[in-house]
């Protein structure tokens, strides 16, 4: 059983691959191709950066924001940065 509550067989079926391929990924014997990394990220609602174990960078889904709200996001980020690091 995987962390998501899905078995290797269930994950393999969703990705249309063999269970042994999923097992090899988990055991570190092979790595998923770029295509599967993208599919896994979408399936588990995480970023591909997270799956690859790269340094954390926050992402924000701005798809539901208005143009004006999108323009405000960088200002809010800068505000929080300066508030937390007053130099």
N, C-alpha and C. Protein backbone atom coordinates (compact mmCIF):
# COMPACT_ATOMS: atom_id res chain seq x y z
N UNK A 1 0.85 -1.18 0.00
CA UNK A 1 0.00 0.00 0.00
C UNK A 1 0.90 1.24 0.00
N UNK A 2 0.64 2.18 -0.88
CA UNK A 2 1.44 3.39 -0.94
C UNK A 2 0.91 4.42 0.05
N UNK A 3 1.62 5.51 0.20
CA UNK A 3 1.22 6.57 1.13
C UNK A 3 -0.17 7.10 0.80
N UNK A 4 -0.51 7.16 -0.46
CA UNK A 4 -1.81 7.70 -0.87
C UNK A 4 -2.95 6.73 -0.61
N UNK A 5 -2.64 5.54 -0.13
CA UNK A 5 -3.67 4.54 0.06
C UNK A 5 -3.91 3.71 -1.18
N UNK A 6 -3.09 3.92 -2.19
CA UNK A 6 -3.21 3.22 -3.46
C UNK A 6 -2.13 2.14 -3.54
N UNK A 7 -2.49 0.98 -4.00
CA UNK A 7 -1.49 -0.08 -4.16
C UNK A 7 -0.65 0.18 -5.41
N UNK A 8 0.46 -0.51 -5.49
CA UNK A 8 1.29 -0.41 -6.70
C UNK A 8 0.48 -0.82 -7.92
N UNK A 9 -0.31 -1.85 -7.78
CA UNK A 9 -1.13 -2.32 -8.91
C UNK A 9 -2.14 -1.27 -9.34
N UNK A 10 -2.77 -0.62 -8.37
CA UNK A 10 -3.76 0.43 -8.69
C UNK A 10 -3.09 1.60 -9.39
N UNK A 11 -1.93 2.01 -8.89
CA UNK A 11 -1.20 3.11 -9.52
C UNK A 11 -0.76 2.72 -10.93
N UNK A 12 -0.25 1.52 -11.06
CA UNK A 12 0.18 1.04 -12.38
C UNK A 12 -0.97 1.06 -13.37
N UNK A 13 -2.13 0.64 -12.92
CA UNK A 13 -3.30 0.62 -13.80
C UNK A 13 -3.68 2.03 -14.23
N UNK A 14 -3.65 2.99 -13.30
CA UNK A 14 -3.97 4.39 -13.63
C UNK A 14 -2.99 4.96 -14.65
N UNK A 15 -1.73 4.54 -14.56
CA UNK A 15 -0.70 5.05 -15.46
C UNK A 15 -0.51 4.19 -16.71
N UNK A 16 -1.23 3.06 -16.76
CA UNK A 16 -1.14 2.13 -17.89
C UNK A 16 0.28 1.58 -18.05
N UNK A 17 0.86 1.18 -16.90
CA UNK A 17 2.19 0.57 -16.87
C UNK A 17 2.12 -0.69 -16.01
N UNK A 18 3.23 -1.39 -15.88
CA UNK A 18 3.25 -2.60 -15.07
C UNK A 18 3.49 -2.26 -13.60
N UNK A 19 3.04 -3.15 -12.73
CA UNK A 19 3.27 -3.00 -11.31
C UNK A 19 4.76 -3.05 -11.01
N UNK A 20 5.48 -3.85 -11.75
CA UNK A 20 6.92 -3.95 -11.52
C UNK A 20 7.63 -2.63 -11.82
N UNK A 21 7.10 -1.83 -12.75
CA UNK A 21 7.68 -0.51 -13.02
C UNK A 21 7.51 0.40 -11.81
N UNK A 22 6.31 0.40 -11.22
CA UNK A 22 6.06 1.20 -10.03
C UNK A 22 6.96 0.73 -8.89
N UNK A 23 7.08 -0.58 -8.73
CA UNK A 23 7.94 -1.14 -7.70
C UNK A 23 9.40 -0.70 -7.90
N UNK A 24 9.87 -0.70 -9.13
CA UNK A 24 11.24 -0.28 -9.43
C UNK A 24 11.46 1.18 -9.06
N UNK A 25 10.44 2.02 -9.28
CA UNK A 25 10.54 3.44 -8.88
C UNK A 25 10.67 3.52 -7.37
N UNK A 26 9.82 2.80 -6.65
CA UNK A 26 9.84 2.85 -5.19
C UNK A 26 11.15 2.33 -4.62
N UNK A 27 11.71 1.33 -5.25
CA UNK A 27 12.95 0.72 -4.77
C UNK A 27 14.19 1.52 -5.21
N UNK A 28 14.00 2.52 -6.07
CA UNK A 28 15.12 3.31 -6.56
C UNK A 28 15.93 2.61 -7.63
N UNK A 29 15.36 1.59 -8.24
CA UNK A 29 16.06 0.85 -9.29
C UNK A 29 15.94 1.54 -10.64
N UNK A 30 14.89 2.34 -10.81
CA UNK A 30 14.71 3.12 -12.02
C UNK A 30 13.96 4.39 -11.65
N UNK A 31 13.90 5.31 -12.58
CA UNK A 31 13.17 6.56 -12.34
C UNK A 31 12.12 6.73 -13.42
N UNK A 32 11.02 7.36 -13.07
CA UNK A 32 9.97 7.58 -14.07
C UNK A 32 10.43 8.59 -15.12
N UNK A 33 9.91 8.42 -16.32
CA UNK A 33 10.21 9.38 -17.39
C UNK A 33 9.51 10.70 -17.08
N UNK A 34 9.86 11.72 -17.80
CA UNK A 34 9.25 13.03 -17.63
C UNK A 34 7.74 12.95 -17.75
N UNK A 35 7.26 12.18 -18.70
CA UNK A 35 5.82 12.03 -18.89
C UNK A 35 5.16 11.50 -17.63
N UNK A 36 5.76 10.49 -17.02
CA UNK A 36 5.17 9.91 -15.81
C UNK A 36 5.31 10.82 -14.62
N UNK A 37 6.37 11.60 -14.55
CA UNK A 37 6.52 12.57 -13.46
C UNK A 37 5.38 13.58 -13.52
N UNK A 38 5.07 14.05 -14.71
CA UNK A 38 3.96 14.99 -14.87
C UNK A 38 2.65 14.32 -14.48
N UNK A 39 2.42 13.10 -14.94
CA UNK A 39 1.19 12.38 -14.61
C UNK A 39 1.08 12.13 -13.11
N UNK A 40 2.18 11.75 -12.47
CA UNK A 40 2.17 11.52 -11.03
C UNK A 40 1.88 12.82 -10.26
N UNK A 41 2.49 13.91 -10.70
CA UNK A 41 2.25 15.20 -10.05
C UNK A 41 0.77 15.58 -10.14
N UNK A 42 0.18 15.38 -11.29
CA UNK A 42 -1.24 15.70 -11.45
C UNK A 42 -2.11 14.75 -10.62
N UNK A 43 -1.77 13.50 -10.62
CA UNK A 43 -2.55 12.50 -9.89
C UNK A 43 -2.54 12.75 -8.39
N UNK A 44 -1.37 13.11 -7.85
CA UNK A 44 -1.24 13.31 -6.41
C UNK A 44 -1.33 14.77 -5.98
N UNK A 45 -1.61 15.66 -6.92
CA UNK A 45 -1.79 17.09 -6.63
C UNK A 45 -0.57 17.69 -5.94
N UNK A 46 0.59 17.38 -6.49
CA UNK A 46 1.84 17.96 -6.02
C UNK A 46 2.59 18.49 -7.25
N UNK A 47 3.63 19.23 -7.01
CA UNK A 47 4.42 19.73 -8.13
C UNK A 47 5.45 18.69 -8.56
N UNK A 48 5.87 18.81 -9.80
CA UNK A 48 6.93 17.92 -10.28
C UNK A 48 8.23 18.22 -9.53
N UNK A 49 8.42 19.44 -9.11
CA UNK A 49 9.59 19.83 -8.32
C UNK A 49 9.60 19.02 -7.01
N UNK A 50 8.45 18.88 -6.38
CA UNK A 50 8.34 18.10 -5.15
C UNK A 50 8.71 16.64 -5.42
N UNK A 51 8.16 16.08 -6.49
CA UNK A 51 8.45 14.68 -6.82
C UNK A 51 9.93 14.45 -7.09
N UNK A 52 10.58 15.42 -7.68
CA UNK A 52 11.99 15.29 -7.99
C UNK A 52 12.89 15.57 -6.79
N UNK A 53 12.31 16.03 -5.70
CA UNK A 53 13.08 16.30 -4.49
C UNK A 53 13.95 17.54 -4.58
N UNK A 54 13.56 18.47 -5.43
CA UNK A 54 14.32 19.70 -5.58
C UNK A 54 13.97 20.68 -4.46
N UNK A 55 14.77 21.72 -4.26
CA UNK A 55 14.47 22.69 -3.20
C UNK A 55 13.05 23.24 -3.34
N UNK A 56 12.46 23.49 -2.18
CA UNK A 56 11.08 23.97 -2.14
C UNK A 56 10.97 25.39 -2.68
N UNK A 57 10.01 25.58 -3.52
CA UNK A 57 9.60 26.89 -3.97
C UNK A 57 8.09 26.89 -3.92
N UNK A 58 7.52 27.90 -3.34
CA UNK A 58 6.07 27.97 -3.24
C UNK A 58 5.48 28.36 -4.58
N UNK A 59 4.36 27.78 -4.88
CA UNK A 59 3.62 28.18 -6.07
C UNK A 59 2.22 28.57 -5.65
N UNK A 60 1.65 29.47 -6.40
CA UNK A 60 0.31 29.96 -6.11
C UNK A 60 -0.52 29.83 -7.38
N UNK A 61 -1.69 29.23 -7.24
CA UNK A 61 -2.61 29.13 -8.36
C UNK A 61 -3.37 30.44 -8.46
N UNK A 62 -3.10 31.20 -9.51
CA UNK A 62 -3.74 32.50 -9.69
C UNK A 62 -4.80 32.47 -10.78
N UNK A 63 -5.16 31.29 -11.23
CA UNK A 63 -6.09 31.16 -12.35
C UNK A 63 -7.47 31.77 -12.08
N UNK A 64 -7.87 31.85 -10.82
CA UNK A 64 -9.20 32.39 -10.52
C UNK A 64 -9.16 33.86 -10.12
N UNK A 65 -7.99 34.47 -10.17
CA UNK A 65 -7.87 35.87 -9.79
C UNK A 65 -8.10 36.80 -10.98
N UNK A 66 -8.55 38.00 -10.66
CA UNK A 66 -8.71 39.03 -11.70
C UNK A 66 -7.33 39.58 -12.07
N UNK A 67 -7.26 40.32 -13.14
CA UNK A 67 -5.98 40.93 -13.55
C UNK A 67 -5.44 41.85 -12.46
N UNK A 68 -6.31 42.61 -11.84
CA UNK A 68 -5.89 43.53 -10.77
C UNK A 68 -5.34 42.74 -9.58
N UNK A 69 -6.02 41.66 -9.21
CA UNK A 69 -5.55 40.83 -8.10
C UNK A 69 -4.19 40.20 -8.42
N UNK A 70 -4.01 39.77 -9.65
CA UNK A 70 -2.74 39.19 -10.07
C UNK A 70 -1.62 40.22 -9.94
N UNK A 71 -1.91 41.45 -10.28
CA UNK A 71 -0.91 42.51 -10.17
C UNK A 71 -0.54 42.79 -8.72
N UNK A 72 -1.45 42.53 -7.78
CA UNK A 72 -1.19 42.78 -6.37
C UNK A 72 -0.33 41.70 -5.70
N UNK A 73 -0.30 40.51 -6.27
CA UNK A 73 0.41 39.39 -5.65
C UNK A 73 1.89 39.70 -5.40
N UNK A 74 2.66 40.20 -6.37
CA UNK A 74 4.07 40.51 -6.08
C UNK A 74 4.24 41.55 -4.96
N UNK A 75 3.33 42.51 -4.88
CA UNK A 75 3.40 43.51 -3.81
C UNK A 75 3.16 42.87 -2.45
N UNK A 76 2.23 41.95 -2.37
CA UNK A 76 1.97 41.25 -1.11
C UNK A 76 3.18 40.42 -0.69
N UNK A 77 3.79 39.75 -1.64
CA UNK A 77 4.97 38.94 -1.33
C UNK A 77 6.09 39.83 -0.78
N UNK A 78 6.32 40.94 -1.44
CA UNK A 78 7.36 41.86 -0.98
C UNK A 78 7.04 42.40 0.41
N UNK A 79 5.77 42.70 0.65
CA UNK A 79 5.35 43.17 1.98
C UNK A 79 5.70 42.15 3.04
N UNK A 80 5.36 40.89 2.82
CA UNK A 80 5.64 39.83 3.80
C UNK A 80 7.14 39.61 3.97
N UNK A 81 7.89 39.71 2.91
CA UNK A 81 9.34 39.57 3.02
C UNK A 81 9.94 40.64 3.90
N UNK A 82 9.55 41.89 3.68
CA UNK A 82 10.12 42.98 4.46
C UNK A 82 9.60 42.98 5.89
N UNK A 83 8.36 42.54 6.09
CA UNK A 83 7.80 42.46 7.44
C UNK A 83 8.55 41.41 8.27
N UNK A 84 8.92 40.31 7.64
CA UNK A 84 9.60 39.23 8.35
C UNK A 84 11.11 39.44 8.45
N UNK A 85 11.65 40.32 7.64
CA UNK A 85 13.10 40.59 7.65
C UNK A 85 13.34 42.11 7.69
N UNK A 86 13.00 42.76 8.77
CA UNK A 86 13.20 44.22 8.81
C UNK A 86 14.69 44.55 8.93
N UNK A 87 15.24 45.13 7.88
CA UNK A 87 16.66 45.48 7.88
C UNK A 87 16.83 46.98 7.84
